Amino acid sequence: MNNNKEIGNLGENIACGYLLNKHWMILERNYRRKSDEIDIIARSNDGTLVFCEIKAFSVGTIKRGKADFSRLIPEDNLTAAKLRKISRTCEFFARQHSELINEERGWRIDLLAIDIGANGKALDIRHYENI
């Protein structure tokens, strides 16, 4: 498993399973607006609308060429520029779908960082709320 798209899709599938196990409702996957994308849009079990950015990393891809990427973690791939783009898309979606927003809870952006083993299973899932 060394294709970034394959790893990304697997990470999103793992994230959906994780969220469903937490009794969240998946509302939409891969929401696109222009060139921006939100990986998962969900409703948490407390009613909050949550936009989830998924960053996955396969331990089978930690070394590429001469460089050693073994110290990289999925969180390293969420840049400030990427977060700004995600935020704009989330704001657009929230304006277009105000009926999905709980007035007391509002909405937020979460990051799910997933380490994937060579067998395609999650080794670790770190969930950062309200990034």
N, C-alpha and C. Protein backbone atom coordinates (compact mmCIF):
# COMPACT_ATOMS: atom_id res chain seq x y z
N MET A 1 0.86 -1.18 0.00
CA MET A 1 0.00 0.00 0.00
C MET A 1 0.90 1.24 0.00
N ASN A 2 1.15 1.77 -1.18
CA ASN A 2 2.03 2.93 -1.25
C ASN A 2 1.45 4.07 -2.06
N ASN A 3 0.26 3.93 -2.53
CA ASN A 3 -0.40 4.98 -3.29
C ASN A 3 -1.09 5.93 -2.31
N ASN A 4 -0.80 7.23 -2.41
CA ASN A 4 -1.38 8.21 -1.47
C ASN A 4 -2.90 8.21 -1.49
N LYS A 5 -3.49 8.06 -2.69
CA LYS A 5 -4.95 8.05 -2.80
C LYS A 5 -5.52 6.82 -2.09
N GLU A 6 -4.86 5.68 -2.27
CA GLU A 6 -5.29 4.44 -1.61
C GLU A 6 -5.21 4.57 -0.08
N ILE A 7 -4.12 5.14 0.39
CA ILE A 7 -3.95 5.35 1.83
C ILE A 7 -5.00 6.33 2.35
N GLY A 8 -5.25 7.39 1.58
CA GLY A 8 -6.26 8.37 1.98
C GLY A 8 -7.65 7.77 2.06
N ASN A 9 -8.02 6.97 1.06
CA ASN A 9 -9.33 6.31 1.07
C ASN A 9 -9.45 5.36 2.25
N LEU A 10 -8.41 4.58 2.48
CA LEU A 10 -8.42 3.65 3.61
C LEU A 10 -8.53 4.42 4.92
N GLY A 11 -7.79 5.51 5.05
CA GLY A 11 -7.87 6.35 6.25
C GLY A 11 -9.27 6.89 6.48
N GLU A 12 -9.93 7.33 5.41
CA GLU A 12 -11.30 7.84 5.53
C GLU A 12 -12.26 6.74 5.94
N ASN A 13 -12.08 5.53 5.40
CA ASN A 13 -12.93 4.41 5.79
C ASN A 13 -12.74 4.06 7.26
N ILE A 14 -11.50 4.05 7.70
CA ILE A 14 -11.20 3.76 9.11
C ILE A 14 -11.82 4.84 9.99
N ALA A 15 -11.68 6.11 9.57
CA ALA A 15 -12.23 7.23 10.34
C ALA A 15 -13.75 7.11 10.46
N CYS A 16 -14.42 6.74 9.37
CA CYS A 16 -15.88 6.58 9.43
C CYS A 16 -16.26 5.49 10.43
N GLY A 17 -15.55 4.38 10.41
CA GLY A 17 -15.82 3.32 11.38
C GLY A 17 -15.61 3.79 12.80
N TYR A 18 -14.54 4.54 13.01
CA TYR A 18 -14.25 5.10 14.34
C TYR A 18 -15.38 6.01 14.81
N LEU A 19 -15.84 6.91 13.92
CA LEU A 19 -16.90 7.84 14.29
C LEU A 19 -18.23 7.12 14.52
N LEU A 20 -18.54 6.14 13.69
CA LEU A 20 -19.76 5.37 13.88
C LEU A 20 -19.74 4.62 15.21
N ASN A 21 -18.57 4.12 15.59
CA ASN A 21 -18.43 3.44 16.89
C ASN A 21 -18.66 4.39 18.05
N LYS A 22 -18.44 5.68 17.81
CA LYS A 22 -18.71 6.70 18.83
C LYS A 22 -20.16 7.19 18.77
N HIS A 23 -20.97 6.54 17.93
CA HIS A 23 -22.39 6.85 17.74
C HIS A 23 -22.60 8.20 17.05
N TRP A 24 -21.68 8.57 16.17
CA TRP A 24 -21.85 9.75 15.35
C TRP A 24 -22.60 9.36 14.08
N MET A 25 -23.21 10.34 13.44
CA MET A 25 -23.91 10.12 12.18
C MET A 25 -23.06 10.75 11.06
N ILE A 26 -22.73 9.95 10.07
CA ILE A 26 -22.00 10.45 8.91
C ILE A 26 -23.02 11.09 7.96
N LEU A 27 -22.86 12.38 7.71
CA LEU A 27 -23.79 13.09 6.84
C LEU A 27 -23.33 13.13 5.39
N GLU A 28 -22.02 13.25 5.22
CA GLU A 28 -21.49 13.36 3.86
C GLU A 28 -20.00 13.03 3.88
N ARG A 29 -19.55 12.47 2.76
CA ARG A 29 -18.11 12.20 2.58
C ARG A 29 -17.64 12.90 1.32
N ASN A 30 -16.42 13.39 1.38
CA ASN A 30 -15.77 14.01 0.24
C ASN A 30 -16.60 15.13 -0.38
N TYR A 31 -17.08 16.03 0.46
CA TYR A 31 -17.82 17.20 0.01
C TYR A 31 -16.85 18.13 -0.72
N ARG A 32 -17.20 18.50 -1.95
CA ARG A 32 -16.32 19.36 -2.73
C ARG A 32 -16.99 20.68 -3.04
N ARG A 33 -16.16 21.71 -2.98
CA ARG A 33 -16.55 23.04 -3.43
C ARG A 33 -15.34 23.61 -4.14
N LYS A 34 -15.49 23.84 -5.44
CA LYS A 34 -14.37 24.25 -6.29
C LYS A 34 -13.25 23.23 -6.13
N SER A 35 -12.06 23.66 -5.74
CA SER A 35 -10.96 22.71 -5.60
C SER A 35 -10.76 22.27 -4.15
N ASP A 36 -11.64 22.70 -3.26
CA ASP A 36 -11.51 22.34 -1.85
C ASP A 36 -12.39 21.14 -1.52
N GLU A 37 -12.01 20.42 -0.48
CA GLU A 37 -12.75 19.22 -0.08
C GLU A 37 -12.77 19.08 1.44
N ILE A 38 -13.91 18.62 1.93
CA ILE A 38 -14.04 18.22 3.33
C ILE A 38 -14.17 16.71 3.32
N ASP A 39 -13.31 16.03 4.05
CA ASP A 39 -13.28 14.57 4.01
C ASP A 39 -14.57 13.96 4.54
N ILE A 40 -14.97 14.36 5.75
CA ILE A 40 -16.17 13.80 6.36
C ILE A 40 -16.94 14.92 7.06
N ILE A 41 -18.24 14.95 6.85
CA ILE A 41 -19.12 15.85 7.60
C ILE A 41 -20.01 14.94 8.43
N ALA A 42 -20.03 15.19 9.74
CA ALA A 42 -20.75 14.30 10.65
C ALA A 42 -21.48 15.09 11.72
N ARG A 43 -22.38 14.41 12.40
CA ARG A 43 -23.03 14.98 13.58
C ARG A 43 -22.58 14.13 14.76
N SER A 44 -21.97 14.81 15.74
CA SER A 44 -21.49 14.09 16.93
C SER A 44 -22.69 13.68 17.78
N ASN A 45 -22.44 12.83 18.76
CA ASN A 45 -23.55 12.35 19.58
C ASN A 45 -24.13 13.43 20.48
N ASP A 46 -23.47 14.59 20.60
CA ASP A 46 -24.07 15.71 21.35
C ASP A 46 -24.77 16.72 20.43
N GLY A 47 -24.86 16.40 19.13
CA GLY A 47 -25.58 17.24 18.19
C GLY A 47 -24.75 18.28 17.45
N THR A 48 -23.44 18.31 17.70
CA THR A 48 -22.57 19.27 17.03
C THR A 48 -22.30 18.83 15.60
N LEU A 49 -22.38 19.78 14.66
CA LEU A 49 -21.97 19.52 13.29
C LEU A 49 -20.45 19.57 13.26
N VAL A 50 -19.83 18.48 12.78
CA VAL A 50 -18.37 18.38 12.81
C VAL A 50 -17.84 18.10 11.41
N PHE A 51 -16.89 18.92 11.00
CA PHE A 51 -16.18 18.74 9.75
C PHE A 51 -14.86 18.05 10.10
N CYS A 52 -14.63 16.89 9.52
CA CYS A 52 -13.46 16.09 9.88
C CYS A 52 -12.44 16.07 8.74
N GLU A 53 -11.24 16.47 9.06
CA GLU A 53 -10.11 16.34 8.15
C GLU A 53 -9.37 15.07 8.56
N ILE A 54 -9.11 14.21 7.58
CA ILE A 54 -8.46 12.94 7.86
C ILE A 54 -7.05 12.98 7.29
N LYS A 55 -6.09 12.65 8.12
CA LYS A 55 -4.71 12.52 7.68
C LYS A 55 -4.25 11.13 8.06
N ALA A 56 -3.88 10.34 7.06
CA ALA A 56 -3.47 8.96 7.29
C ALA A 56 -2.04 8.76 6.79
N PHE A 57 -1.35 7.84 7.43
CA PHE A 57 0.03 7.55 7.10
C PHE A 57 0.24 6.06 7.24
N SER A 58 0.77 5.44 6.22
CA SER A 58 1.03 4.01 6.26
C SER A 58 2.47 3.76 6.69
N VAL A 59 2.65 2.89 7.67
CA VAL A 59 4.02 2.60 8.12
C VAL A 59 4.82 1.93 7.01
N GLY A 60 4.15 1.40 6.01
CA GLY A 60 4.84 0.79 4.88
C GLY A 60 5.46 1.82 3.94
N THR A 61 5.21 3.11 4.17
CA THR A 61 5.72 4.15 3.27
C THR A 61 6.64 5.13 4.00
N ILE A 62 7.26 4.69 5.09
CA ILE A 62 8.03 5.66 5.88
C ILE A 62 9.38 6.00 5.26
N LYS A 63 9.88 5.19 4.34
CA LYS A 63 11.14 5.53 3.71
C LYS A 63 10.94 5.65 2.22
N ARG A 64 11.34 6.78 1.69
CA ARG A 64 11.22 7.04 0.24
C ARG A 64 12.59 7.50 -0.25
N GLY A 65 13.20 6.71 -1.10
CA GLY A 65 14.51 7.08 -1.62
C GLY A 65 15.53 7.15 -0.50
N LYS A 66 16.33 8.19 -0.51
CA LYS A 66 17.38 8.34 0.51
C LYS A 66 16.87 9.03 1.76
N ALA A 67 15.76 9.74 1.66
CA ALA A 67 15.24 10.47 2.82
C ALA A 67 14.56 9.50 3.78
N ASP A 68 14.67 9.77 5.04
CA ASP A 68 14.02 8.96 6.06
C ASP A 68 12.85 9.75 6.64
N PHE A 69 11.63 9.28 6.38
CA PHE A 69 10.42 9.94 6.83
C PHE A 69 9.85 9.28 8.08
N SER A 70 10.64 8.45 8.74
CA SER A 70 10.11 7.66 9.86
C SER A 70 9.66 8.51 11.03
N ARG A 71 10.07 9.75 11.10
CA ARG A 71 9.64 10.62 12.21
C ARG A 71 8.41 11.45 11.87
N LEU A 72 7.94 11.36 10.63
CA LEU A 72 6.74 12.09 10.26
C LEU A 72 5.52 11.43 10.87
N ILE A 73 4.56 12.25 11.21
CA ILE A 73 3.28 11.76 11.68
C ILE A 73 2.21 12.41 10.82
N PRO A 74 1.01 11.81 10.74
CA PRO A 74 -0.02 12.38 9.86
C PRO A 74 -0.30 13.85 10.14
N GLU A 75 -0.23 14.24 11.40
CA GLU A 75 -0.51 15.62 11.77
C GLU A 75 0.40 16.61 11.05
N ASP A 76 1.60 16.17 10.69
CA ASP A 76 2.55 17.05 9.99
C ASP A 76 2.03 17.51 8.63
N ASN A 77 1.07 16.80 8.08
CA ASN A 77 0.55 17.12 6.76
C ASN A 77 -0.59 18.14 6.78
N LEU A 78 -1.00 18.59 7.93
CA LEU A 78 -2.03 19.62 8.01
C LEU A 78 -1.34 20.98 8.19
N THR A 79 -1.22 21.68 7.09
CA THR A 79 -0.55 22.98 7.12
C THR A 79 -1.54 24.08 7.45
N ALA A 80 -1.03 25.24 7.78
CA ALA A 80 -1.89 26.39 8.05
C ALA A 80 -2.68 26.76 6.81
N ALA A 81 -2.06 26.68 5.64
CA ALA A 81 -2.76 27.00 4.39
C ALA A 81 -3.89 26.01 4.14
N LYS A 82 -3.64 24.74 4.37
CA LYS A 82 -4.69 23.73 4.19
C LYS A 82 -5.84 23.97 5.16
N LEU A 83 -5.53 24.31 6.40
CA LEU A 83 -6.56 24.57 7.39
C LEU A 83 -7.41 25.78 7.00
N ARG A 84 -6.78 26.82 6.43
CA ARG A 84 -7.54 27.99 5.97
C ARG A 84 -8.51 27.59 4.85
N LYS A 85 -8.04 26.77 3.92
CA LYS A 85 -8.90 26.32 2.82
C LYS A 85 -10.07 25.49 3.36
N ILE A 86 -9.79 24.60 4.27
CA ILE A 86 -10.84 23.78 4.87
C ILE A 86 -11.85 24.67 5.58
N SER A 87 -11.37 25.63 6.34
CA SER A 87 -12.25 26.54 7.10
C SER A 87 -13.20 27.29 6.18
N ARG A 88 -12.68 27.78 5.06
CA ARG A 88 -13.54 28.50 4.10
C ARG A 88 -14.63 27.58 3.56
N THR A 89 -14.28 26.37 3.24
CA THR A 89 -15.27 25.43 2.72
C THR A 89 -16.29 25.05 3.78
N CYS A 90 -15.84 24.89 5.02
CA CYS A 90 -16.76 24.59 6.13
C CYS A 90 -17.74 25.74 6.34
N GLU A 91 -17.23 26.96 6.32
CA GLU A 91 -18.10 28.13 6.48
C GLU A 91 -19.14 28.20 5.38
N PHE A 92 -18.74 27.91 4.15
CA PHE A 92 -19.67 27.90 3.03
C PHE A 92 -20.75 26.84 3.25
N PHE A 93 -20.34 25.63 3.61
CA PHE A 93 -21.30 24.54 3.84
C PHE A 93 -22.26 24.91 4.97
N ALA A 94 -21.72 25.45 6.06
CA ALA A 94 -22.55 25.81 7.22
C ALA A 94 -23.59 26.87 6.84
N ARG A 95 -23.22 27.85 6.02
CA ARG A 95 -24.18 28.87 5.57
C ARG A 95 -25.27 28.25 4.70
N GLN A 96 -24.88 27.30 3.86
CA GLN A 96 -25.84 26.67 2.94
C GLN A 96 -26.75 25.66 3.65
N HIS A 97 -26.32 25.15 4.80
CA HIS A 97 -27.06 24.10 5.50
C HIS A 97 -27.25 24.47 6.98
N SER A 98 -27.76 25.65 7.21
CA SER A 98 -27.93 26.13 8.59
C SER A 98 -28.86 25.23 9.40
N GLU A 99 -29.74 24.50 8.72
CA GLU A 99 -30.66 23.61 9.42
C GLU A 99 -29.92 22.46 10.13
N LEU A 100 -28.69 22.20 9.76
CA LEU A 100 -27.92 21.12 10.38
C LEU A 100 -27.17 21.57 11.63
N ILE A 101 -27.21 22.86 11.90
CA ILE A 101 -26.42 23.40 13.01
C ILE A 101 -27.28 23.57 14.25
N ASN A 102 -26.84 22.96 15.33
CA ASN A 102 -27.48 23.11 16.63
C ASN A 102 -27.05 24.48 17.17
N GLU A 103 -28.02 25.34 17.45
CA GLU A 103 -27.69 26.71 17.88
C GLU A 103 -26.83 26.75 19.14
N GLU A 104 -27.01 25.80 20.04
CA GLU A 104 -26.21 25.77 21.27
C GLU A 104 -24.81 25.22 21.02
N ARG A 105 -24.68 24.29 20.11
CA ARG A 105 -23.40 23.61 19.88
C ARG A 105 -22.58 24.21 18.75
N GLY A 106 -23.27 24.75 17.73
CA GLY A 106 -22.56 25.30 16.59
C GLY A 106 -21.91 24.21 15.75
N TRP A 107 -20.74 24.53 15.18
CA TRP A 107 -19.99 23.56 14.39
C TRP A 107 -18.51 23.73 14.69
N ARG A 108 -17.76 22.70 14.32
CA ARG A 108 -16.31 22.75 14.57
C ARG A 108 -15.59 21.90 13.53
N ILE A 109 -14.28 22.04 13.52
CA ILE A 109 -13.42 21.23 12.64
C ILE A 109 -12.56 20.34 13.53
N ASP A 110 -12.56 19.04 13.24
CA ASP A 110 -11.74 18.07 13.96
C ASP A 110 -10.71 17.49 13.00
N LEU A 111 -9.61 17.01 13.56
CA LEU A 111 -8.59 16.30 12.80
C LEU A 111 -8.52 14.88 13.34
N LEU A 112 -8.57 13.90 12.45
CA LEU A 112 -8.33 12.51 12.82
C LEU A 112 -7.03 12.10 12.13
N ALA A 113 -6.02 11.79 12.93
CA ALA A 113 -4.73 11.36 12.43
C ALA A 113 -4.64 9.85 12.64
N ILE A 114 -4.37 9.14 11.55
CA ILE A 114 -4.43 7.68 11.60
C ILE A 114 -3.13 7.08 11.10
N ASP A 115 -2.56 6.22 11.92
CA ASP A 115 -1.39 5.43 11.52
C ASP A 115 -1.92 4.08 11.06
N ILE A 116 -1.55 3.69 9.84
CA ILE A 116 -2.05 2.45 9.24
C ILE A 116 -0.89 1.47 9.12
N GLY A 117 -1.12 0.25 9.57
CA GLY A 117 -0.11 -0.80 9.47
C GLY A 117 -0.03 -1.39 8.08
N ALA A 118 0.98 -2.20 7.85
CA ALA A 118 1.17 -2.84 6.55
C ALA A 118 0.00 -3.73 6.18
N ASN A 119 -0.76 -4.19 7.18
CA ASN A 119 -1.92 -5.04 6.94
C ASN A 119 -3.18 -4.25 6.60
N GLY A 120 -3.08 -2.92 6.56
CA GLY A 120 -4.22 -2.08 6.23
C GLY A 120 -5.12 -1.77 7.40
N LYS A 121 -4.71 -2.14 8.59
CA LYS A 121 -5.51 -1.88 9.79
C LYS A 121 -4.92 -0.69 10.55
N ALA A 122 -5.79 0.00 11.28
CA ALA A 122 -5.34 1.17 12.05
C ALA A 122 -4.47 0.71 13.22
N LEU A 123 -3.30 1.30 13.33
CA LEU A 123 -2.43 1.08 14.48
C LEU A 123 -2.78 2.05 15.60
N ASP A 124 -3.14 3.27 15.18
CA ASP A 124 -3.46 4.31 16.15
C ASP A 124 -4.35 5.35 15.48
N ILE A 125 -5.33 5.84 16.23
CA ILE A 125 -6.19 6.93 15.77
C ILE A 125 -6.14 8.02 16.85
N ARG A 126 -5.73 9.22 16.43
CA ARG A 126 -5.69 10.36 17.35
C ARG A 126 -6.74 11.36 16.86
N HIS A 127 -7.66 11.71 17.76
CA HIS A 127 -8.77 12.59 17.41
C HIS A 127 -8.57 13.93 18.12
N TYR A 128 -8.35 14.97 17.34
CA TYR A 128 -8.17 16.32 17.86
C TYR A 128 -9.44 17.10 17.58
N GLU A 129 -10.09 17.57 18.63
CA GLU A 129 -11.34 18.30 18.47
C GLU A 129 -11.10 19.80 18.37
N ASN A 130 -11.92 20.44 17.53
CA ASN A 130 -11.94 21.89 17.43
C ASN A 130 -10.57 22.49 17.13
N ILE A 131 -9.99 22.01 16.05
CA ILE A 131 -8.65 22.50 15.69
C ILE A 131 -8.76 23.90 15.14
